[in-house]
Amino acid sequence: MAKQPKKRKIPMRKCIVSGEMFPKKELVRIVKNKDNEVSIDPTGRKNGRGAYIALVPELAEQARENKTFNKVFSMSIDDSFYDELVEYVVHIKARQELFDED
């Protein structure tokens, strides 16, 4: 009898905006470091407190409108961060559709 290939566990994370669970690859990590700088973490490896948002442009827009990450990190975040986030999510989503990445 042939050995079954081991099924890999897909790491899941919760989107901070929608509250839904997504595979980690379908999310982008936003990180707040010890110097209280908030940034997009495409690698998912930066030091600091992280929160995830799904790669859905509508959710990024919603985060901007509701200033979601201000609440999550209990601090005031510049509007330019939200603009950068929306731009990043739209860009990554377009790339995924273009290259049909899984």
Protein backbone atom coordinates (compact mmCIF):
# COMPACT_ATOMS: atom_id res chain seq x y z
CA MET A 1 0.00 0.00 0.00
CA ALA A 2 1.42 3.39 -1.04
CA LYS A 3 2.03 5.94 1.65
CA GLN A 4 -0.34 8.93 1.53
CA PRO A 5 1.44 12.26 1.06
CA LYS A 6 1.28 14.23 4.26
CA LYS A 7 -1.35 16.96 4.09
CA ARG A 8 0.17 20.31 4.93
CA LYS A 9 -1.68 22.47 7.39
CA ILE A 10 -2.53 25.89 5.94
CA PRO A 11 -1.87 28.65 8.48
CA MET A 12 -5.00 30.76 8.98
CA ARG A 13 -5.22 34.31 10.29
CA LYS A 14 -8.14 36.62 11.06
CA CYS A 15 -8.70 39.73 8.95
CA ILE A 16 -8.99 42.66 11.33
CA VAL A 17 -11.56 44.44 9.13
CA SER A 18 -13.97 41.65 8.13
CA GLY A 19 -13.38 39.37 11.11
CA GLU A 20 -13.13 36.38 8.74
CA MET A 21 -10.42 33.73 8.78
CA PHE A 22 -8.25 33.55 5.65
CA PRO A 23 -5.19 31.53 4.63
CA LYS A 24 -2.15 33.59 5.63
CA LYS A 25 -1.09 33.96 1.97
CA GLU A 26 -4.31 35.89 1.21
CA LEU A 27 -3.55 38.52 3.86
CA VAL A 28 -1.02 41.26 4.37
CA ARG A 29 0.52 41.91 7.78
CA ILE A 30 0.57 45.39 9.24
CA VAL A 31 3.13 45.79 12.00
CA LYS A 32 3.72 48.31 14.80
CA ASN A 33 7.31 48.27 16.03
CA LYS A 34 8.65 49.31 19.42
CA ASP A 35 9.24 52.85 18.12
CA ASN A 36 5.47 53.10 17.41
CA GLU A 37 6.01 53.09 13.64
CA VAL A 38 3.26 51.36 11.68
CA SER A 39 4.15 49.82 8.34
CA ILE A 40 3.14 47.21 5.78
CA ASP A 41 5.07 43.97 6.27
CA PRO A 42 5.02 42.04 2.98
CA THR A 43 7.42 39.39 4.35
CA GLY A 44 5.43 38.80 7.54
CA ARG A 45 8.70 38.67 9.49
CA LYS A 46 9.25 42.17 10.88
CA ASN A 47 9.52 42.54 14.63
CA GLY A 48 6.55 44.03 16.44
CA ARG A 49 2.86 43.62 17.00
CA GLY A 50 1.10 42.46 13.86
CA ALA A 51 -2.45 42.61 12.55
CA TYR A 52 -3.70 41.18 9.28
CA ILE A 53 -5.96 42.51 6.55
CA ALA A 54 -7.26 40.53 3.58
CA LEU A 55 -5.99 41.44 0.12
CA VAL A 56 -9.38 42.87 -0.83
CA PRO A 57 -9.39 46.52 -2.01
CA GLU A 58 -12.85 47.14 -0.50
CA LEU A 59 -11.59 46.07 2.95
CA ALA A 60 -8.55 48.35 2.65
CA GLU A 61 -10.91 51.24 1.78
CA GLN A 62 -13.08 50.32 4.77
CA ALA A 63 -10.01 50.29 7.03
CA ARG A 64 -9.15 53.79 5.78
CA GLU A 65 -12.68 55.12 6.37
CA ASN A 66 -12.97 53.61 9.86
CA LYS A 67 -9.31 54.16 10.77
CA THR A 68 -9.25 50.51 11.85
CA PHE A 69 -5.54 50.33 12.64
CA ASN A 70 -5.75 53.41 14.90
CA LYS A 71 -8.05 51.33 17.12
CA VAL A 72 -6.05 48.10 16.79
CA PHE A 73 -2.74 49.70 17.77
CA SER A 74 -4.30 52.29 20.14
CA MET A 75 -2.56 55.22 18.47
CA SER A 76 -3.03 57.90 15.86
CA ILE A 77 -1.86 56.81 12.41
CA ASP A 78 -1.22 59.24 9.57
CA ASP A 79 -3.68 59.17 6.65
CA SER A 80 -0.77 58.58 4.27
CA PHE A 81 -0.37 55.09 5.79
CA TYR A 82 -3.94 54.24 4.80
CA ASP A 83 -3.38 55.60 1.28
CA GLU A 84 -0.27 53.44 1.00
CA LEU A 85 -2.21 50.41 2.30
CA VAL A 86 -5.02 50.82 -0.24
CA GLU A 87 -2.48 51.30 -3.03
CA TYR A 88 -0.52 48.21 -1.91
CA VAL A 89 -3.61 45.97 -1.69
CA VAL A 90 -4.88 47.11 -5.11
CA HIS A 91 -1.41 46.50 -6.60
CA ILE A 92 -1.00 43.01 -5.09
CA LYS A 93 -4.56 42.02 -6.06
CA ALA A 94 -3.91 43.15 -9.65
CA ARG A 95 -0.66 41.13 -9.74
CA GLN A 96 -2.44 38.04 -8.45
CA GLU A 97 -5.10 38.34 -11.13
CA LEU A 98 -2.48 39.01 -13.79
CA PHE A 99 -0.27 36.06 -12.88
CA ASP A 100 -3.09 33.95 -11.41
CA GLU A 101 -0.95 33.15 -8.36
CA ASP A 102 -2.28 30.69 -5.81
